[in-house]
Amino acid sequence: MAINEPSSGWGRKQMNGVIQAVIRAVGVALGLFLIVIAIPFAVTPIPLGLPLLILGLLILAGTSKTAHTLITNFLKRHPGLWNRVKHIFDRFHKDEDKGGQG
């Protein structure tokens, strides 16, 4: 279950709802921070800009429903990029399946 999916009752109690809101706020802040840090690294010869940007977008999409919708819609409008992203996630899922069968 992703953090931006419905909690199926987990967040109904007031304390759990507060904890979930804090975790989401920290995730959004961390994702935005990584995206901002990635911008200067994108123009330097140090190859950290793209990985930091991708990590920041993944964290942001996982914690914010709005960001998840925006990123998903962007990827659907650009099918070539969407196919690359889908291929990477499919590869990770295949690796997890192989690891669980051993």
N, C-alpha and C. Protein backbone atom coordinates (compact mmCIF):
# COMPACT_ATOMS: atom_id res chain seq x y z
N MET A 1 0.85 -1.18 0.00
CA MET A 1 0.00 0.00 0.00
C MET A 1 0.89 1.24 0.00
N ALA A 2 0.63 2.16 -0.90
CA ALA A 2 1.36 3.41 -0.95
C ALA A 2 0.83 4.35 0.12
N ILE A 3 1.63 5.30 0.49
CA ILE A 3 1.24 6.20 1.57
C ILE A 3 0.12 7.13 1.13
N ASN A 4 -0.06 7.35 -0.17
CA ASN A 4 -1.12 8.25 -0.61
C ASN A 4 -2.43 7.53 -0.92
N GLU A 5 -2.49 6.21 -0.71
CA GLU A 5 -3.73 5.46 -0.90
C GLU A 5 -4.58 5.56 0.36
N PRO A 6 -5.87 5.28 0.26
CA PRO A 6 -6.73 5.32 1.45
C PRO A 6 -6.22 4.36 2.52
N SER A 7 -6.34 4.77 3.75
CA SER A 7 -5.76 3.99 4.84
C SER A 7 -6.68 2.90 5.35
N SER A 8 -7.85 2.76 4.79
CA SER A 8 -8.85 1.75 5.17
C SER A 8 -9.03 1.67 6.68
N GLY A 9 -9.28 2.82 7.28
CA GLY A 9 -9.57 2.86 8.70
C GLY A 9 -8.38 3.17 9.59
N TRP A 10 -7.16 3.08 9.04
CA TRP A 10 -5.97 3.31 9.87
C TRP A 10 -5.94 4.73 10.41
N GLY A 11 -6.41 5.72 9.62
CA GLY A 11 -6.34 7.10 10.05
C GLY A 11 -7.61 7.60 10.70
N ARG A 12 -8.53 6.71 11.07
CA ARG A 12 -9.80 7.16 11.64
C ARG A 12 -9.64 7.65 13.07
N LYS A 13 -8.76 7.04 13.80
CA LYS A 13 -8.52 7.54 15.15
C LYS A 13 -7.75 8.84 15.04
N GLN A 14 -8.02 9.74 15.96
CA GLN A 14 -7.45 11.07 15.86
C GLN A 14 -5.93 11.03 15.94
N MET A 15 -5.33 10.26 16.83
CA MET A 15 -3.89 10.24 16.97
C MET A 15 -3.23 9.67 15.72
N ASN A 16 -3.78 8.58 15.18
CA ASN A 16 -3.21 8.02 13.96
C ASN A 16 -3.33 8.98 12.80
N GLY A 17 -4.41 9.73 12.74
CA GLY A 17 -4.58 10.73 11.69
C GLY A 17 -3.54 11.82 11.78
N VAL A 18 -3.20 12.23 12.99
CA VAL A 18 -2.17 13.25 13.19
C VAL A 18 -0.82 12.71 12.77
N ILE A 19 -0.53 11.47 13.15
CA ILE A 19 0.76 10.85 12.79
C ILE A 19 0.86 10.73 11.27
N GLN A 20 -0.21 10.31 10.63
CA GLN A 20 -0.21 10.18 9.18
C GLN A 20 -0.02 11.54 8.51
N ALA A 21 -0.64 12.58 9.03
CA ALA A 21 -0.48 13.92 8.47
C ALA A 21 0.96 14.40 8.63
N VAL A 22 1.58 14.11 9.77
CA VAL A 22 2.96 14.52 10.00
C VAL A 22 3.90 13.78 9.04
N ILE A 23 3.66 12.47 8.86
CA ILE A 23 4.50 11.68 7.95
C ILE A 23 4.37 12.21 6.52
N ARG A 24 3.15 12.54 6.11
CA ARG A 24 2.95 13.10 4.77
C ARG A 24 3.64 14.45 4.63
N ALA A 25 3.54 15.30 5.64
CA ALA A 25 4.18 16.62 5.58
C ALA A 25 5.69 16.49 5.50
N VAL A 26 6.25 15.56 6.27
CA VAL A 26 7.70 15.33 6.22
C VAL A 26 8.09 14.79 4.85
N GLY A 27 7.29 13.88 4.30
CA GLY A 27 7.58 13.34 2.97
C GLY A 27 7.53 14.40 1.89
N VAL A 28 6.53 15.25 1.94
CA VAL A 28 6.42 16.34 0.96
C VAL A 28 7.61 17.29 1.10
N ALA A 29 7.97 17.64 2.33
CA ALA A 29 9.10 18.54 2.55
C ALA A 29 10.41 17.92 2.06
N LEU A 30 10.61 16.64 2.34
CA LEU A 30 11.82 15.95 1.90
C LEU A 30 11.86 15.86 0.38
N GLY A 31 10.74 15.52 -0.25
CA GLY A 31 10.69 15.45 -1.71
C GLY A 31 11.00 16.79 -2.36
N LEU A 32 10.38 17.85 -1.85
CA LEU A 32 10.65 19.18 -2.39
C LEU A 32 12.09 19.61 -2.16
N PHE A 33 12.64 19.28 -1.00
CA PHE A 33 14.03 19.60 -0.69
C PHE A 33 14.97 18.91 -1.68
N LEU A 34 14.73 17.64 -1.95
CA LEU A 34 15.59 16.91 -2.89
C LEU A 34 15.48 17.47 -4.30
N ILE A 35 14.29 17.89 -4.69
CA ILE A 35 14.11 18.48 -6.02
C ILE A 35 14.88 19.80 -6.11
N VAL A 36 14.80 20.61 -5.06
CA VAL A 36 15.52 21.89 -5.05
C VAL A 36 17.03 21.67 -5.06
N ILE A 37 17.50 20.68 -4.31
CA ILE A 37 18.93 20.37 -4.28
C ILE A 37 19.39 19.82 -5.63
N ALA A 38 18.52 19.12 -6.35
CA ALA A 38 18.89 18.51 -7.63
C ALA A 38 19.16 19.56 -8.71
N ILE A 39 18.52 20.71 -8.61
CA ILE A 39 18.65 21.73 -9.65
C ILE A 39 20.10 22.21 -9.81
N PRO A 40 20.81 22.60 -8.74
CA PRO A 40 22.20 23.01 -8.94
C PRO A 40 23.11 21.86 -9.39
N PHE A 41 22.82 20.65 -8.92
CA PHE A 41 23.64 19.52 -9.33
C PHE A 41 23.42 19.13 -10.79
N ALA A 42 22.31 19.55 -11.38
CA ALA A 42 22.02 19.22 -12.78
C ALA A 42 22.97 19.94 -13.72
N VAL A 43 23.50 21.08 -13.32
CA VAL A 43 24.38 21.86 -14.20
C VAL A 43 25.85 21.67 -13.86
N THR A 44 26.16 20.90 -12.86
CA THR A 44 27.56 20.64 -12.51
C THR A 44 28.00 19.31 -13.12
N PRO A 45 29.31 19.10 -13.19
CA PRO A 45 29.78 17.84 -13.75
C PRO A 45 29.56 16.64 -12.83
N ILE A 46 29.14 16.88 -11.60
CA ILE A 46 28.85 15.79 -10.68
C ILE A 46 27.50 15.19 -11.07
N PRO A 47 27.43 13.90 -11.36
CA PRO A 47 26.18 13.32 -11.87
C PRO A 47 25.18 12.97 -10.77
N LEU A 48 24.79 13.95 -9.98
CA LEU A 48 23.83 13.70 -8.92
C LEU A 48 22.46 14.34 -9.18
N GLY A 49 22.38 15.22 -10.15
CA GLY A 49 21.13 15.95 -10.38
C GLY A 49 19.96 15.07 -10.73
N LEU A 50 20.12 14.20 -11.72
CA LEU A 50 19.02 13.36 -12.16
C LEU A 50 18.58 12.35 -11.10
N PRO A 51 19.51 11.63 -10.45
CA PRO A 51 19.05 10.70 -9.40
C PRO A 51 18.34 11.41 -8.24
N LEU A 52 18.83 12.57 -7.83
CA LEU A 52 18.17 13.31 -6.76
C LEU A 52 16.79 13.79 -7.20
N LEU A 53 16.67 14.22 -8.45
CA LEU A 53 15.38 14.67 -8.96
C LEU A 53 14.39 13.51 -8.99
N ILE A 54 14.82 12.37 -9.48
CA ILE A 54 13.93 11.20 -9.54
C ILE A 54 13.52 10.76 -8.15
N LEU A 55 14.47 10.71 -7.22
CA LEU A 55 14.15 10.33 -5.84
C LEU A 55 13.18 11.32 -5.21
N GLY A 56 13.40 12.61 -5.42
CA GLY A 56 12.49 13.62 -4.90
C GLY A 56 11.09 13.51 -5.47
N LEU A 57 11.01 13.24 -6.78
CA LEU A 57 9.69 13.08 -7.41
C LEU A 57 8.98 11.82 -6.90
N LEU A 58 9.73 10.74 -6.70
CA LEU A 58 9.12 9.52 -6.17
C LEU A 58 8.58 9.72 -4.75
N ILE A 59 9.36 10.38 -3.91
CA ILE A 59 8.91 10.65 -2.54
C ILE A 59 7.70 11.58 -2.55
N LEU A 60 7.77 12.60 -3.38
CA LEU A 60 6.66 13.56 -3.47
C LEU A 60 5.40 12.89 -3.99
N ALA A 61 5.53 12.04 -5.02
CA ALA A 61 4.36 11.35 -5.57
C ALA A 61 3.80 10.34 -4.57
N GLY A 62 4.65 9.79 -3.73
CA GLY A 62 4.18 8.82 -2.75
C GLY A 62 3.47 9.43 -1.57
N THR A 63 3.71 10.71 -1.31
CA THR A 63 3.12 11.33 -0.13
C THR A 63 2.05 12.36 -0.44
N SER A 64 1.96 12.83 -1.67
CA SER A 64 0.99 13.85 -2.03
C SER A 64 0.10 13.36 -3.17
N LYS A 65 -1.20 13.35 -2.93
CA LYS A 65 -2.14 12.92 -3.97
C LYS A 65 -2.10 13.86 -5.16
N THR A 66 -1.98 15.15 -4.91
CA THR A 66 -1.94 16.13 -5.99
C THR A 66 -0.69 15.94 -6.84
N ALA A 67 0.47 15.78 -6.20
CA ALA A 67 1.71 15.56 -6.94
C ALA A 67 1.65 14.25 -7.71
N HIS A 68 1.07 13.22 -7.11
CA HIS A 68 0.94 11.93 -7.79
C HIS A 68 0.11 12.07 -9.06
N THR A 69 -1.00 12.80 -8.98
CA THR A 69 -1.85 13.02 -10.14
C THR A 69 -1.12 13.81 -11.21
N LEU A 70 -0.41 14.87 -10.82
CA LEU A 70 0.31 15.70 -11.79
C LEU A 70 1.41 14.90 -12.48
N ILE A 71 2.18 14.13 -11.72
CA ILE A 71 3.27 13.34 -12.29
C ILE A 71 2.72 12.25 -13.20
N THR A 72 1.65 11.58 -12.76
CA THR A 72 1.05 10.52 -13.57
C THR A 72 0.50 11.09 -14.88
N ASN A 73 -0.19 12.22 -14.82
CA ASN A 73 -0.73 12.84 -16.04
C ASN A 73 0.39 13.27 -16.98
N PHE A 74 1.49 13.79 -16.43
CA PHE A 74 2.63 14.17 -17.25
C PHE A 74 3.21 12.96 -17.97
N LEU A 75 3.37 11.86 -17.24
CA LEU A 75 3.92 10.65 -17.85
C LEU A 75 2.99 10.07 -18.91
N LYS A 76 1.68 10.18 -18.71
CA LYS A 76 0.74 9.67 -19.70
C LYS A 76 0.73 10.53 -20.97
N ARG A 77 1.03 11.82 -20.83
CA ARG A 77 1.11 12.69 -22.00
C ARG A 77 2.40 12.46 -22.79
N HIS A 78 3.40 11.85 -22.15
CA HIS A 78 4.68 11.57 -22.80
C HIS A 78 4.90 10.06 -22.78
N PRO A 79 4.34 9.34 -23.76
CA PRO A 79 4.37 7.88 -23.72
C PRO A 79 5.77 7.27 -23.75
N GLY A 80 6.73 7.91 -24.41
CA GLY A 80 8.09 7.37 -24.44
C GLY A 80 8.70 7.34 -23.06
N LEU A 81 8.54 8.43 -22.32
CA LEU A 81 9.05 8.49 -20.95
C LEU A 81 8.27 7.55 -20.04
N TRP A 82 6.95 7.46 -20.26
CA TRP A 82 6.10 6.56 -19.47
C TRP A 82 6.54 5.11 -19.65
N ASN A 83 6.86 4.71 -20.88
CA ASN A 83 7.30 3.34 -21.14
C ASN A 83 8.62 3.04 -20.43
N ARG A 84 9.52 4.00 -20.39
CA ARG A 84 10.79 3.81 -19.67
C ARG A 84 10.55 3.64 -18.18
N VAL A 85 9.71 4.49 -17.62
CA VAL A 85 9.42 4.41 -16.18
C VAL A 85 8.72 3.09 -15.87
N LYS A 86 7.75 2.71 -16.70
CA LYS A 86 7.03 1.46 -16.48
C LYS A 86 7.98 0.27 -16.58
N HIS A 87 8.92 0.32 -17.52
CA HIS A 87 9.90 -0.76 -17.68
C HIS A 87 10.77 -0.90 -16.42
N ILE A 88 11.18 0.22 -15.85
CA ILE A 88 12.01 0.18 -14.64
C ILE A 88 11.23 -0.42 -13.48
N PHE A 89 9.97 0.01 -13.30
CA PHE A 89 9.17 -0.54 -12.20
C PHE A 89 8.86 -2.02 -12.41
N ASP A 90 8.61 -2.42 -13.67
CA ASP A 90 8.37 -3.83 -13.95
C ASP A 90 9.60 -4.66 -13.63
N ARG A 91 10.76 -4.11 -13.91
CA ARG A 91 12.01 -4.82 -13.62
C ARG A 91 12.19 -5.02 -12.13
N PHE A 92 11.88 -4.01 -11.34
CA PHE A 92 12.00 -4.13 -9.89
C PHE A 92 11.02 -5.14 -9.34
N HIS A 93 9.80 -5.16 -9.88
CA HIS A 93 8.80 -6.13 -9.41
C HIS A 93 9.20 -7.56 -9.77
N LYS A 94 9.82 -7.76 -10.93
CA LYS A 94 10.29 -9.09 -11.31
C LYS A 94 11.40 -9.54 -10.38
N ASP A 95 12.29 -8.62 -10.01
CA ASP A 95 13.38 -8.95 -9.08
C ASP A 95 12.82 -9.34 -7.72
N GLU A 96 11.76 -8.65 -7.26
CA GLU A 96 11.15 -8.99 -5.97
C GLU A 96 10.49 -10.36 -6.03
N ASP A 97 9.84 -10.67 -7.15
CA ASP A 97 9.18 -11.96 -7.29
C ASP A 97 10.19 -13.10 -7.27
N LYS A 98 11.33 -12.93 -7.93
CA LYS A 98 12.36 -13.96 -7.95
C LYS A 98 12.95 -14.15 -6.56
N GLY A 99 13.12 -13.07 -5.83
CA GLY A 99 13.70 -13.14 -4.49
C GLY A 99 12.80 -13.87 -3.51
N GLY A 100 11.49 -13.78 -3.68
CA GLY A 100 10.56 -14.42 -2.77
C GLY A 100 10.37 -15.90 -3.02
N GLN A 101 10.76 -16.39 -4.20
CA GLN A 101 10.52 -17.79 -4.54
C GLN A 101 11.61 -18.71 -4.03
N GLY A 102 12.80 -18.17 -3.73
CA GLY A 102 13.97 -18.97 -3.37
C GLY A 102 13.81 -19.69 -2.11
